[in-house]
PDB file of N, CA and C in Angstrom:
ATOM      1  N   MET A   1       1.111  -0.877   0.172  1.00  0.00           N
ATOM      2  CA  MET A   1      -0.006   0.179   0.296  1.00  0.00           C
ATOM      3  C   MET A   1       0.738   1.168  -0.064  1.00  0.00           C
ATOM      4  N   LEU A   2       0.377   2.183  -0.124  1.00  0.00           N
ATOM      5  CA  LEU A   2       1.018   3.663  -0.598  1.00  0.00           C
ATOM      6  C   LEU A   2       1.215   3.968   1.032  1.00  0.00           C
ATOM      7  N   THR A   3       2.601   3.935   1.347  1.00  0.00           N
ATOM      8  CA  THR A   3       3.311   4.566   2.724  1.00  0.00           C
ATOM      9  C   THR A   3       3.660   5.943   2.674  1.00  0.00           C
ATOM     10  N   LEU A   4       3.120   6.732   3.197  1.00  0.00           N
ATOM     11  CA  LEU A   4       3.481   8.050   3.444  1.00  0.00           C
ATOM     12  C   LEU A   4       4.088   7.984   4.739  1.00  0.00           C
ATOM     13  N   ILE A   5       4.743   9.485   5.360  1.00  0.00           N
ATOM     14  CA  ILE A   5       5.458   9.398   6.053  1.00  0.00           C
ATOM     15  C   ILE A   5       4.460  10.626   7.166  1.00  0.00           C
ATOM     16  N   GLU A   6       3.973   9.948   8.120  1.00  0.00           N
ATOM     17  CA  GLU A   6       2.737  10.674   8.849  1.00  0.00           C
ATOM     18  C   GLU A   6       2.891  12.005   9.430  1.00  0.00           C
ATOM     19  N   GLU A   7       4.276  12.130   9.861  1.00  0.00           N
ATOM     20  CA  GLU A   7       4.399  13.458  10.436  1.00  0.00           C
ATOM     21  C   GLU A   7       4.504  14.706   8.790  1.00  0.00           C
ATOM     22  N   GLU A   8       5.257  13.903   7.919  1.00  0.00           N
ATOM     23  CA  GLU A   8       5.171  14.906   6.817  1.00  0.00           C
ATOM     24  C   GLU A   8       4.240  14.999   6.218  1.00  0.00           C
ATOM     25  N   PHE A   9       2.840  13.850   6.065  1.00  0.00           N
ATOM     26  CA  PHE A   9       1.675  14.223   5.627  1.00  0.00           C
ATOM     27  C   PHE A   9       0.679  14.732   6.073  1.00  0.00           C
ATOM     28  N   THR A  10       0.642  15.009   7.527  1.00  0.00           N
ATOM     29  CA  THR A  10      -0.149  15.892   8.603  1.00  0.00           C
ATOM     30  C   THR A  10       0.673  17.369   8.428  1.00  0.00           C
ATOM     31  N   ARG A  11       1.934  17.856   7.944  1.00  0.00           N
ATOM     32  CA  ARG A  11       2.103  18.928   7.935  1.00  0.00           C
ATOM     33  C   ARG A  11       1.746  19.508   6.299  1.00  0.00           C
ATOM     34  N   PHE A  12       1.833  18.464   5.458  1.00  0.00           N
ATOM     35  CA  PHE A  12       1.514  18.648   4.342  1.00  0.00           C
ATOM     36  C   PHE A  12       0.027  19.077   4.112  1.00  0.00           C
ATOM     37  N   MET A  13      -0.970  18.301   4.974  1.00  0.00           N
ATOM     38  CA  MET A  13      -2.273  18.934   5.025  1.00  0.00           C
ATOM     39  C   MET A  13      -3.030  19.834   5.750  1.00  0.00           C
ATOM     40  N   ALA A  14      -1.717  20.484   7.014  1.00  0.00           N
ATOM     41  CA  ALA A  14      -1.715  21.462   7.409  1.00  0.00           C
ATOM     42  C   ALA A  14      -1.576  22.969   7.046  1.00  0.00           C
ATOM     43  N   GLU A  15      -1.098  22.504   5.831  1.00  0.00           N
ATOM     44  CA  GLU A  15      -0.451  23.705   5.137  1.00  0.00           C
ATOM     45  C   GLU A  15      -1.031  23.763   3.903  1.00  0.00           C
ATOM     46  N   ASP A  16      -2.663  22.897   3.787  1.00  0.00           N
ATOM     47  CA  ASP A  16      -3.261  23.181   2.728  1.00  0.00           C
ATOM     48  C   ASP A  16      -4.064  24.208   2.227  1.00  0.00           C
ATOM     49  N   ASP A  17      -3.605  25.167   0.732  1.00  0.00           N
ATOM     50  CA  ASP A  17      -4.272  26.550   0.935  1.00  0.00           C
ATOM     51  C   ASP A  17      -5.064  26.304  -0.223  1.00  0.00           C
ATOM     52  N   GLY A  18      -5.498  24.731  -0.166  1.00  0.00           N
ATOM     53  CA  GLY A  18      -6.783  24.717  -1.133  1.00  0.00           C
ATOM     54  C   GLY A  18      -6.187  25.062  -2.888  1.00  0.00           C
ATOM     55  N   LEU A  19      -4.862  24.907  -3.246  1.00  0.00           N
ATOM     56  CA  LEU A  19      -4.607  25.454  -4.605  1.00  0.00           C
ATOM     57  C   LEU A  19      -4.127  23.832  -4.790  1.00  0.00           C
ATOM     58  N   PRO A  20      -4.111  23.851  -6.444  1.00  0.00           N
ATOM     59  CA  PRO A  20      -3.203  22.616  -7.236  1.00  0.00           C
ATOM     60  C   PRO A  20      -2.320  22.312  -6.868  1.00  0.00           C
ATOM     61  N   ILE A  21      -1.826  20.859  -6.916  1.00  0.00           N
ATOM     62  CA  ILE A  21      -0.517  20.204  -6.708  1.00  0.00           C
ATOM     63  C   ILE A  21      -0.219  19.396  -7.921  1.00  0.00           C
ATOM     64  N   VAL A  22       0.779  19.249  -8.687  1.00  0.00           N
ATOM     65  CA  VAL A  22       1.235  18.356  -8.952  1.00  0.00           C
ATOM     66  C   VAL A  22       2.107  17.257  -8.511  1.00  0.00           C
ATOM     67  N   MET A  23       1.939  15.981  -8.026  1.00  0.00           N
ATOM     68  CA  MET A  23       2.959  14.748  -7.744  1.00  0.00           C
ATOM     69  C   MET A  23       3.941  14.689  -8.867  1.00  0.00           C
ATOM     70  N   LEU A  24       5.218  14.664  -8.624  1.00  0.00           N
ATOM     71  CA  LEU A  24       6.437  13.927  -8.727  1.00  0.00           C
ATOM     72  C   LEU A  24       6.470  12.141  -8.168  1.00  0.00           C
ATOM     73  N   ASN A  25       6.317  11.677  -8.852  1.00  0.00           N
ATOM     74  CA  ASN A  25       6.500  10.040  -8.329  1.00  0.00           C
ATOM     75  C   ASN A  25       8.159   9.360  -9.003  1.00  0.00           C
ATOM     76  N   LEU A  26       8.669   9.168  -8.648  1.00  0.00           N
ATOM     77  CA  LEU A  26       9.938   8.842  -9.180  1.00  0.00           C
ATOM     78  C   LEU A  26       9.973   7.338  -8.665  1.00  0.00           C
ATOM     79  N   LEU A  27       9.816   6.465  -9.619  1.00  0.00           N
ATOM     80  CA  LEU A  27       9.572   5.345  -9.460  1.00  0.00           C
ATOM     81  C   LEU A  27      10.758   3.917  -9.742  1.00  0.00           C
ATOM     82  N   ARG A  28      11.117   3.230  -8.955  1.00  0.00           N
ATOM     83  CA  ARG A  28      12.093   1.888  -9.273  1.00  0.00           C
ATOM     84  C   ARG A  28      11.085   0.846  -9.694  1.00  0.00           C
ATOM     85  N   PHE A  29      11.430   0.294 -10.274  1.00  0.00           N
ATOM     86  CA  PHE A  29      10.397  -1.241 -10.344  1.00  0.00           C
ATOM     87  C   PHE A  29      10.996  -2.788  -9.978  1.00  0.00           C
ATOM     88  N   ARG A  30      10.296  -3.418  -9.264  1.00  0.00           N
ATOM     89  CA  ARG A  30      10.933  -4.572  -8.896  1.00  0.00           C
ATOM     90  C   ARG A  30      10.969  -5.412 -10.231  1.00  0.00           C
ATOM     91  N   PRO A  31      12.287  -6.167 -10.274  1.00  0.00           N
ATOM     92  CA  PRO A  31      12.870  -6.534 -11.181  1.00  0.00           C
ATOM     93  C   PRO A  31      11.572  -7.782 -11.781  1.00  0.00           C
ATOM     94  N   ASP A  32      11.117  -8.122 -10.744  1.00  0.00           N
ATOM     95  CA  ASP A  32      10.409  -9.650 -11.416  1.00  0.00           C
ATOM     96  C   ASP A  32       8.649  -9.188 -12.001  1.00  0.00           C
ATOM     97  N   GLY A  33       9.331  -8.357 -12.977  1.00  0.00           N
ATOM     98  CA  GLY A  33       7.653  -7.659 -13.747  1.00  0.00           C
ATOM     99  C   GLY A  33       6.821  -6.512 -13.201  1.00  0.00           C
ATOM    100  N   GLY A  34       7.967  -6.167 -12.245  1.00  0.00           N
ATOM    101  CA  GLY A  34       7.360  -4.401 -11.597  1.00  0.00           C
ATOM    102  C   GLY A  34       6.867  -3.651 -12.738  1.00  0.00           C
ATOM    103  N   ARG A  35       7.650  -3.420 -13.944  1.00  0.00           N
ATOM    104  CA  ARG A  35       6.770  -2.809 -14.962  1.00  0.00           C
ATOM    105  C   ARG A  35       5.552  -3.054 -15.549  1.00  0.00           C
ATOM    106  N   GLU A  36       5.249  -4.255 -15.781  1.00  0.00           N
ATOM    107  CA  GLU A  36       4.498  -4.660 -16.550  1.00  0.00           C
ATOM    108  C   GLU A  36       3.075  -4.836 -15.285  1.00  0.00           C
ATOM    109  N   ARG A  37       3.421  -5.006 -14.154  1.00  0.00           N
ATOM    110  CA  ARG A  37       2.534  -4.756 -13.118  1.00  0.00           C
ATOM    111  C   ARG A  37       1.986  -3.044 -12.816  1.00  0.00           C
ATOM    112  N   TYR A  38       3.084  -2.456 -12.926  1.00  0.00           N
ATOM    113  CA  TYR A  38       2.974  -0.777 -12.792  1.00  0.00           C
ATOM    114  C   TYR A  38       1.973  -0.092 -14.335  1.00  0.00           C
ATOM    115  N   ALA A  39       1.888  -1.095 -15.554  1.00  0.00           N
ATOM    116  CA  ALA A  39       0.862  -0.545 -16.115  1.00  0.00           C
ATOM    117  C   ALA A  39      -0.175  -0.887 -16.063  1.00  0.00           C
ATOM    118  N   ALA A  40      -0.636  -2.187 -15.030  1.00  0.00           N
ATOM    119  CA  ALA A  40      -1.857  -2.184 -14.857  1.00  0.00           C
ATOM    120  C   ALA A  40      -2.774  -1.674 -13.505  1.00  0.00           C
ATOM    121  N   TYR A  41      -1.478  -1.237 -13.075  1.00  0.00           N
ATOM    122  CA  TYR A  41      -2.003  -0.020 -11.696  1.00  0.00           C
ATOM    123  C   TYR A  41      -2.208   1.116 -12.084  1.00  0.00           C
ATOM    124  N   LEU A  42      -1.751   1.632 -13.977  1.00  0.00           N
ATOM    125  CA  LEU A  42      -2.246   2.909 -14.276  1.00  0.00           C
ATOM    126  C   LEU A  42      -3.706   2.734 -14.761  1.00  0.00           C
ATOM    127  N   GLU A  43      -3.647   1.704 -15.279  1.00  0.00           N
ATOM    128  CA  GLU A  43      -5.082   1.196 -16.090  1.00  0.00           C
ATOM    129  C   GLU A  43      -6.107   1.491 -14.884  1.00  0.00           C
ATOM    130  N   VAL A  44      -6.021   0.795 -13.563  1.00  0.00           N
ATOM    131  CA  VAL A  44      -7.061   0.756 -12.560  1.00  0.00           C
ATOM    132  C   VAL A  44      -7.001   2.306 -11.983  1.00  0.00           C
ATOM    133  N   ALA A  45      -5.808   2.799 -11.355  1.00  0.00           N
ATOM    134  CA  ALA A  45      -6.010   3.880 -11.085  1.00  0.00           C
ATOM    135  C   ALA A  45      -6.360   4.948 -11.708  1.00  0.00           C
ATOM    136  N   GLY A  46      -6.151   5.286 -13.245  1.00  0.00           N
ATOM    137  CA  GLY A  46      -6.713   6.602 -13.871  1.00  0.00           C
ATOM    138  C   GLY A  46      -8.465   6.735 -13.349  1.00  0.00           C
ATOM    139  N   PRO A  47      -8.707   6.014 -13.496  1.00  0.00           N
ATOM    140  CA  PRO A  47     -10.575   6.373 -13.205  1.00  0.00           C
ATOM    141  C   PRO A  47     -10.673   6.756 -11.772  1.00  0.00           C
ATOM    142  N   LEU A  48      -9.820   6.222 -10.910  1.00  0.00           N
ATOM    143  CA  LEU A  48      -9.866   6.102  -9.540  1.00  0.00           C
ATOM    144  C   LEU A  48      -9.452   7.482  -9.332  1.00  0.00           C
ATOM    145  N   VAL A  49      -8.840   8.607  -9.470  1.00  0.00           N
ATOM    146  CA  VAL A  49      -8.130   9.854  -9.125  1.00  0.00           C
ATOM    147  C   VAL A  49      -8.867  10.386 -10.123  1.00  0.00           C
ATOM    148  N   ALA A  50      -9.183  10.086 -11.393  1.00  0.00           N
ATOM    149  CA  ALA A  50      -9.942  10.879 -12.013  1.00  0.00           C
ATOM    150  C   ALA A  50     -11.253  11.506 -10.679  1.00  0.00           C
ATOM    151  N   ARG A  51     -11.807  10.364 -10.015  1.00  0.00           N
ATOM    152  CA  ARG A  51     -12.935  11.031  -8.912  1.00  0.00           C
ATOM    153  C   ARG A  51     -13.029  11.923  -8.469  1.00  0.00           C
ATOM    154  N   TYR A  52     -11.629  12.212  -8.122  1.00  0.00           N
ATOM    155  CA  TYR A  52     -10.757  13.226  -7.412  1.00  0.00           C
ATOM    156  C   TYR A  52     -10.619  14.355  -8.258  1.00  0.00           C
ATOM    157  N   GLY A  53     -11.199  14.442  -9.428  1.00  0.00           N
ATOM    158  CA  GLY A  53     -10.869  15.772 -10.088  1.00  0.00           C
ATOM    159  C   GLY A  53      -9.065  15.436 -10.772  1.00  0.00           C
ATOM    160  N   ALA A  54      -8.430  14.441 -10.516  1.00  0.00           N
ATOM    161  CA  ALA A  54      -7.012  14.558 -10.354  1.00  0.00           C
ATOM    162  C   ALA A  54      -7.046  13.889 -11.900  1.00  0.00           C
ATOM    163  N   ASP A  55      -5.357  13.814 -12.934  1.00  0.00           N
ATOM    164  CA  ASP A  55      -5.217  13.775 -13.729  1.00  0.00           C
ATOM    165  C   ASP A  55      -3.721  13.133 -13.871  1.00  0.00           C
ATOM    166  N   ILE A  56      -3.552  11.989 -14.422  1.00  0.00           N
ATOM    167  CA  ILE A  56      -2.326  11.453 -14.707  1.00  0.00           C
ATOM    168  C   ILE A  56      -1.827  12.231 -16.087  1.00  0.00           C
ATOM    169  N   VAL A  57      -1.105  13.491 -15.551  1.00  0.00           N
ATOM    170  CA  VAL A  57      -0.034  14.147 -16.773  1.00  0.00           C
ATOM    171  C   VAL A  57       0.619  13.926 -17.630  1.00  0.00           C
ATOM    172  N   TYR A  58       1.816  12.656 -17.147  1.00  0.00           N
ATOM    173  CA  TYR A  58       2.488  12.221 -17.807  1.00  0.00           C
ATOM    174  C   TYR A  58       3.674  11.004 -16.682  1.00  0.00           C
ATOM    175  N   VAL A  59       3.846   9.817 -18.075  1.00  0.00           N
ATOM    176  CA  VAL A  59       4.200   9.148 -17.774  1.00  0.00           C
ATOM    177  C   VAL A  59       5.108   8.875 -18.531  1.00  0.00           C
ATOM    178  N   GLY A  60       6.229   8.669 -17.865  1.00  0.00           N
ATOM    179  CA  GLY A  60       7.936   8.098 -18.676  1.00  0.00           C
ATOM    180  C   GLY A  60       8.601   7.473 -18.254  1.00  0.00           C
ATOM    181  N   GLU A  61       9.774   6.420 -19.421  1.00  0.00           N
ATOM    182  CA  GLU A  61      10.621   5.928 -18.852  1.00  0.00           C
ATOM    183  C   GLU A  61      11.786   6.958 -18.408  1.00  0.00           C
ATOM    184  N   GLY A  62      12.484   6.416 -17.312  1.00  0.00           N
ATOM    185  CA  GLY A  62      13.858   7.158 -17.083  1.00  0.00           C
ATOM    186  C   GLY A  62      14.811   6.512 -17.712  1.00  0.00           C
ATOM    187  N   LEU A  63      15.544   7.364 -18.429  1.00  0.00           N
ATOM    188  CA  LEU A  63      16.782   7.224 -19.274  1.00  0.00           C
ATOM    189  C   LEU A  63      18.368   7.483 -18.168  1.00  0.00           C
ATOM    190  N   PRO A  64      19.315   6.904 -18.599  1.00  0.00           N
ATOM    191  CA  PRO A  64      20.225   7.296 -17.612  1.00  0.00           C
ATOM    192  C   PRO A  64      20.486   8.861 -16.804  1.00  0.00           C
ATOM    193  N   ALA A  65      21.153   9.132 -15.694  1.00  0.00           N
ATOM    194  CA  ALA A  65      21.073  10.150 -15.146  1.00  0.00           C
ATOM    195  C   ALA A  65      22.240  10.961 -15.756  1.00  0.00           C
ATOM    196  N   LEU A  66      21.872  12.216 -15.599  1.00  0.00           N
ATOM    197  CA  LEU A  66      23.137  12.509 -16.333  1.00  0.00           C
ATOM    198  C   LEU A  66      23.805  13.695 -15.428  1.00  0.00           C
ATOM    199  N   SER A  67      23.281  13.753 -13.765  1.00  0.00           N
ATOM    200  CA  SER A  67      23.892  14.349 -12.867  1.00  0.00           C
ATOM    201  C   SER A  67      23.333  13.400 -11.477  1.00  0.00           C
ATOM    202  N   ALA A  68      23.781  12.631 -11.224  1.00  0.00           N
ATOM    203  CA  ALA A  68      22.836  11.529 -10.093  1.00  0.00           C
ATOM    204  C   ALA A  68      23.994  11.230  -9.176  1.00  0.00           C
ATOM    205  N   GLU A  69      23.894  10.876  -8.026  1.00  0.00           N
ATOM    206  CA  GLU A  69      25.227  10.256  -6.956  1.00  0.00           C
ATOM    207  C   GLU A  69      24.078   8.746  -6.947  1.00  0.00           C
ATOM    208  N   THR A  70      25.295   7.584  -7.196  1.00  0.00           N
ATOM    209  CA  THR A  70      24.620   6.144  -7.154  1.00  0.00           C
ATOM    210  C   THR A  70      23.515   5.932  -6.300  1.00  0.00           C
ATOM    211  N   GLY A  71      22.536   5.047  -7.434  1.00  0.00           N
ATOM    212  CA  GLY A  71      21.139   4.507  -6.604  1.00  0.00           C
ATOM    213  C   GLY A  71      20.479   5.906  -7.317  1.00  0.00           C
ATOM    214  N   GLN A  72      20.519   6.761  -7.759  1.00  0.00           N
ATOM    215  CA  GLN A  72      19.487   8.219  -7.723  1.00  0.00           C
ATOM    216  C   GLN A  72      18.772   7.937  -9.183  1.00  0.00           C
ATOM    217  N   ALA A  73      19.283   7.124  -9.811  1.00  0.00           N
ATOM    218  CA  ALA A  73      18.525   7.125 -10.996  1.00  0.00           C
ATOM    219  C   ALA A  73      17.316   6.197 -11.029  1.00  0.00           C
ATOM    220  N   TRP A  74      16.262   6.772 -11.625  1.00  0.00           N
ATOM    221  CA  TRP A  74      14.650   6.234 -11.508  1.00  0.00           C
ATOM    222  C   TRP A  74      13.908   5.163 -12.742  1.00  0.00           C
ATOM    223  N   ASP A  75      13.717   4.306 -12.563  1.00  0.00           N
ATOM    224  CA  ASP A  75      13.208   3.848 -13.977  1.00  0.00           C
ATOM    225  C   ASP A  75      11.988   4.288 -14.537  1.00  0.00           C
ATOM    226  N   ALA A  76      10.924   5.128 -13.780  1.00  0.00           N
ATOM    227  CA  ALA A  76      10.364   6.248 -14.240  1.00  0.00           C
ATOM    228  C   ALA A  76      10.125   6.817 -13.676  1.00  0.00           C
ATOM    229  N   VAL A  77       8.938   8.049 -14.443  1.00  0.00           N
ATOM    230  CA  VAL A  77       8.833   8.946 -13.339  1.00  0.00           C
ATOM    231  C   VAL A  77       6.694   9.287 -13.820  1.00  0.00           C
ATOM    232  N   ALA A  78       6.471   9.711 -12.892  1.00  0.00           N
ATOM    233  CA  ALA A  78       4.726  10.092 -13.229  1.00  0.00           C
ATOM    234  C   ALA A  78       4.666  11.606 -12.793  1.00  0.00           C
ATOM    235  N   LEU A  79       3.863  12.215 -13.449  1.00  0.00           N
ATOM    236  CA  LEU A  79       3.173  13.538 -12.655  1.00  0.00           C
ATOM    237  C   LEU A  79       2.092  13.409 -12.829  1.00  0.00           C
ATOM    238  N   VAL A  80       1.358  13.659 -11.804  1.00  0.00           N
ATOM    239  CA  VAL A  80      -0.082  13.434 -11.403  1.00  0.00           C
ATOM    240  C   VAL A  80      -0.621  15.075 -10.877  1.00  0.00           C
ATOM    241  N   ARG A  81      -1.334  15.532 -11.336  1.00  0.00           N
ATOM    242  CA  ARG A  81      -1.937  16.652 -10.798  1.00  0.00           C
ATOM    243  C   ARG A  81      -3.507  16.276  -9.974  1.00  0.00           C
ATOM    244  N   TYR A  82      -3.728  16.992  -8.608  1.00  0.00           N
ATOM    245  CA  TYR A  82      -4.522  17.033  -7.855  1.00  0.00           C
ATOM    246  C   TYR A  82      -4.844  18.416  -7.796  1.00  0.00           C
ATOM    247  N   PRO A  83      -6.784  18.747  -7.732  1.00  0.00           N
ATOM    248  CA  PRO A  83      -7.091  20.154  -7.788  1.00  0.00           C
ATOM    249  C   PRO A  83      -6.671  20.762  -6.343  1.00  0.00           C
ATOM    250  N   SER A  84      -6.188  19.600  -5.169  1.00  0.00           N
ATOM    251  CA  SER A  84      -6.141  20.508  -4.140  1.00  0.00           C
ATOM    252  C   SER A  84      -5.391  18.954  -3.321  1.00  0.00           C
ATOM    253  N   ARG A  85      -4.871  19.999  -1.931  1.00  0.00           N
ATOM    254  CA  ARG A  85      -3.990  18.458  -1.613  1.00  0.00           C
ATOM    255  C   ARG A  85      -5.238  17.328  -0.519  1.00  0.00           C
ATOM    256  N   ARG A  86      -6.195  18.144  -0.601  1.00  0.00           N
ATOM    257  CA  ARG A  86      -7.514  17.685   0.089  1.00  0.00           C
ATOM    258  C   ARG A  86      -7.758  16.293  -1.059  1.00  0.00           C
ATOM    259  N   ALA A  87      -7.770  16.857  -2.313  1.00  0.00           N
ATOM    260  CA  ALA A  87      -8.167  15.636  -3.364  1.00  0.00           C
ATOM    261  C   ALA A  87      -7.222  14.586  -3.226  1.00  0.00           C
ATOM    262  N   PHE A  88      -5.967  14.421  -2.924  1.00  0.00           N
ATOM    263  CA  PHE A  88      -5.340  13.825  -3.156  1.00  0.00           C
ATOM    264  C   PHE A  88      -5.050  12.739  -1.745  1.00  0.00           C
ATOM    265  N   ALA A  89      -5.371  13.456  -0.613  1.00  0.00           N
ATOM    266  CA  ALA A  89      -5.937  12.840   1.017  1.00  0.00           C
ATOM    267  C   ALA A  89      -6.613  11.801   0.297  1.00  0.00           C
ATOM    268  N   ASP A  90      -7.731  12.753   0.114  1.00  0.00           N
ATOM    269  CA  ASP A  90      -9.160  11.690  -0.183  1.00  0.00           C
ATOM    270  C   ASP A  90      -9.119  10.417  -0.880  1.00  0.00           C
ATOM    271  N   MET A  91      -7.924  10.596  -2.386  1.00  0.00           N
ATOM    272  CA  MET A  91      -7.608   9.736  -3.273  1.00  0.00           C
ATOM    273  C   MET A  91      -7.005   8.541  -2.393  1.00  0.00           C
ATOM    274  N   VAL A  92      -6.210   8.875  -1.579  1.00  0.00           N
ATOM    275  CA  VAL A  92      -5.693   7.710  -0.909  1.00  0.00           C
ATOM    276  C   VAL A  92      -5.939   7.084  -0.126  1.00  0.00           C
ATOM    277  N   GLN A  93      -7.048   7.757   0.774  1.00  0.00           N
ATOM    278  CA  GLN A  93      -7.883   7.159   1.368  1.00  0.00           C
ATOM    279  C   GLN A  93      -9.222   6.396   0.914  1.00  0.00           C
ATOM    280  N   ASP A  94      -9.296   6.480  -0.320  1.00  0.00           N
ATOM    281  CA  ASP A  94     -10.594   5.860  -0.768  1.00  0.00           C
ATOM    282  C   ASP A  94     -10.457   4.142  -1.104  1.00  0.00           C
ATOM    283  N   ARG A  95     -11.768   3.749  -0.207  1.00  0.00           N
ATOM    284  CA  ARG A  95     -11.558   2.246  -0.100  1.00  0.00           C
ATOM    285  C   ARG A  95     -10.976   1.329  -1.314  1.00  0.00           C
ATOM    286  N   ASP A  96     -11.728   1.894  -2.451  1.00  0.00           N
ATOM    287  CA  ASP A  96     -11.370   1.278  -3.910  1.00  0.00           C
ATOM    288  C   ASP A  96      -9.875   1.654  -4.432  1.00  0.00           C
ATOM    289  N   TYR A  97      -9.341   2.733  -4.225  1.00  0.00           N
ATOM    290  CA  TYR A  97      -8.022   2.671  -4.644  1.00  0.00           C
ATOM    291  C   TYR A  97      -7.016   1.952  -3.825  1.00  0.00           C
ATOM    292  N   ARG A  98      -7.407   1.741  -2.652  1.00  0.00           N
ATOM    293  CA  ARG A  98      -7.078   1.203  -1.224  1.00  0.00           C
ATOM    294  C   ARG A  98      -6.878  -0.485  -1.775  1.00  0.00           C
ATOM    295  N   GLU A  99      -8.391  -1.055  -2.146  1.00  0.00           N
ATOM    296  CA  GLU A  99      -8.120  -2.130  -2.129  1.00  0.00           C
ATOM    297  C   GLU A  99      -7.709  -3.265  -3.932  1.00  0.00           C
ATOM    298  N   LYS A 100      -8.346  -1.723  -5.028  1.00  0.00           N
ATOM    299  CA  LYS A 100      -7.792  -2.199  -6.111  1.00  0.00           C
ATOM    300  C   LYS A 100      -6.866  -1.943  -7.339  1.00  0.00           C
ATOM    301  N   ALA A 101      -6.360  -0.684  -6.323  1.00  0.00           N
ATOM    302  CA  ALA A 101      -5.023   0.233  -6.879  1.00  0.00           C
ATOM    303  C   ALA A 101      -3.593  -1.117  -6.072  1.00  0.00           C
ATOM    304  N   GLY A 102      -4.236  -0.065  -5.000  1.00  0.00           N
ATOM    305  CA  GLY A 102      -3.309   0.144  -3.765  1.00  0.00           C
ATOM    306  C   GLY A 102      -2.135  -1.335  -3.907  1.00  0.00           C
ATOM    307  N   PRO A 103      -2.465  -2.713  -4.180  1.00  0.00           N
ATOM    308  CA  PRO A 103      -2.143  -3.661  -4.316  1.00  0.00           C
ATOM    309  C   PRO A 103      -1.148  -3.763  -5.601  1.00  0.00           C
ATOM    310  N   LEU A 104      -1.887  -3.192  -6.505  1.00  0.00           N
ATOM    311  CA  LEU A 104      -0.585  -3.337  -7.653  1.00  0.00           C
ATOM    312  C   LEU A 104       0.524  -2.222  -7.807  1.00  0.00           C
ATOM    313  N   ARG A 105       0.008  -1.376  -7.039  1.00  0.00           N
ATOM    314  CA  ARG A 105       1.419  -0.193  -7.075  1.00  0.00           C
ATOM    315  C   ARG A 105       2.364  -1.201  -6.051  1.00  0.00           C
ATOM    316  N   GLU A 106       1.916  -1.673  -5.267  1.00  0.00           N
ATOM    317  CA  GLU A 106       3.044  -2.659  -4.305  1.00  0.00           C
ATOM    318  C   GLU A 106       3.878  -3.190  -5.295  1.00  0.00           C
ATOM    319  N   ALA A 107       3.107  -4.304  -5.741  1.00  0.00           N
ATOM    320  CA  ALA A 107       3.318  -5.643  -5.818  1.00  0.00           C
ATOM    321  C   ALA A 107       4.887  -5.098  -7.623  1.00  0.00           C
ATOM    322  N   SER A 108       4.252  -3.891  -8.043  1.00  0.00           N
ATOM    323  CA  SER A 108       5.201  -3.135  -9.068  1.00  0.00           C
ATOM    324  C   SER A 108       6.435  -2.415  -8.686  1.00  0.00           C
ATOM    325  N   LEU A 109       6.634  -2.245  -7.529  1.00  0.00           N
ATOM    326  CA  LEU A 109       7.469  -0.921  -7.034  1.00  0.00           C
ATOM    327  C   LEU A 109       8.559  -1.298  -5.759  1.00  0.00           C
ATOM    328  N   ALA A 110       9.592  -1.475  -5.999  1.00  0.00           N
ATOM    329  CA  ALA A 110      11.086  -1.881  -5.128  1.00  0.00           C
ATOM    330  C   ALA A 110      10.873  -0.694  -4.384  1.00  0.00           C
ATOM    331  N   GLU A 111      10.679   0.778  -4.983  1.00  0.00           N
ATOM    332  CA  GLU A 111      10.656   2.232  -4.352  1.00  0.00           C
ATOM    333  C   GLU A 111      10.178   2.925  -4.933  1.00  0.00           C
ATOM    334  N   ALA A 112       9.742   3.828  -3.848  1.00  0.00           N
ATOM    335  CA  ALA A 112       9.088   5.055  -4.968  1.00  0.00           C
ATOM    336  C   ALA A 112       9.320   6.349  -3.685  1.00  0.00           C
ATOM    337  N   VAL A 113       9.446   7.459  -4.447  1.00  0.00           N
ATOM    338  CA  VAL A 113       9.378   8.804  -3.862  1.00  0.00           C
ATOM    339  C   VAL A 113       8.115   9.706  -4.411  1.00  0.00           C
ATOM    340  N   LEU A 114       7.388   9.948  -3.728  1.00  0.00           N
ATOM    341  CA  LEU A 114       6.663  11.231  -3.615  1.00  0.00           C
ATOM    342  C   LEU A 114       6.766  12.709  -3.019  1.00  0.00           C
ATOM    343  N   GLN A 115       6.784  13.167  -4.571  1.00  0.00           N
ATOM    344  CA  GLN A 115       7.035  14.434  -3.658  1.00  0.00           C
ATOM    345  C   GLN A 115       6.200  15.737  -4.560  1.00  0.00           C
ATOM    346  N   PRO A 116       5.221  16.380  -3.573  1.00  0.00           N
ATOM    347  CA  PRO A 116       4.439  17.188  -4.203  1.00  0.00           C
ATOM    348  C   PRO A 116       5.359  18.677  -4.553  1.00  0.00           C
ATOM    349  N   THR A 117       5.211  19.317  -5.600  1.00  0.00           N
ATOM    350  CA  THR A 117       4.977  20.262  -6.093  1.00  0.00           C
ATOM    351  C   THR A 117       4.167  21.456  -6.611  1.00  0.00           C
ATOM    352  N   ARG A 118       4.519  22.448  -6.691  1.00  0.00           N
ATOM    353  CA  ARG A 118       3.127  23.659  -7.286  1.00  0.00           C
ATOM    354  C   ARG A 118       3.918  24.525  -7.492  1.00  0.00           C
ATOM    355  N   ASN A 119       3.078  25.391  -8.040  1.00  0.00           N
ATOM    356  CA  ASN A 119       3.763  26.844  -9.155  1.00  0.00           C
ATOM    357  C   ASN A 119       4.248  27.631  -7.510  1.00  0.00           C
ATOM    358  N   PRO A 120       4.898  28.374  -7.746  1.00  0.00           N
ATOM    359  CA  PRO A 120       5.594  29.476  -6.693  1.00  0.00           C
ATOM    360  C   PRO A 120       4.037  30.578  -6.801  1.00  0.00           C
TER     361      PRO A 120
END
């Protein structure tokens, strides 16, 4: 399942200004078919994130890093735009997301980073 750092998530929500965010997802796939399982996750997750006004803006395969320390290259990146932090929180707490999409995401990823971003 999606593992959030509780303290950071609490701060993230406490600072909610109601403005849109774009979530940068840095993804490292499991070597035993993780990329294929992530494709299945995207098919399931797409309609679920749309329930909350979010959309998957971009998913791209990672190429070799041009400037990174050892171990910082990622297999893929994804950008998901949410209308607000609340929309993101509601989506990850959605029962359908947790039961249908969450297990696919977990089975596909060896490691992931969720980095919220916003326009200044």
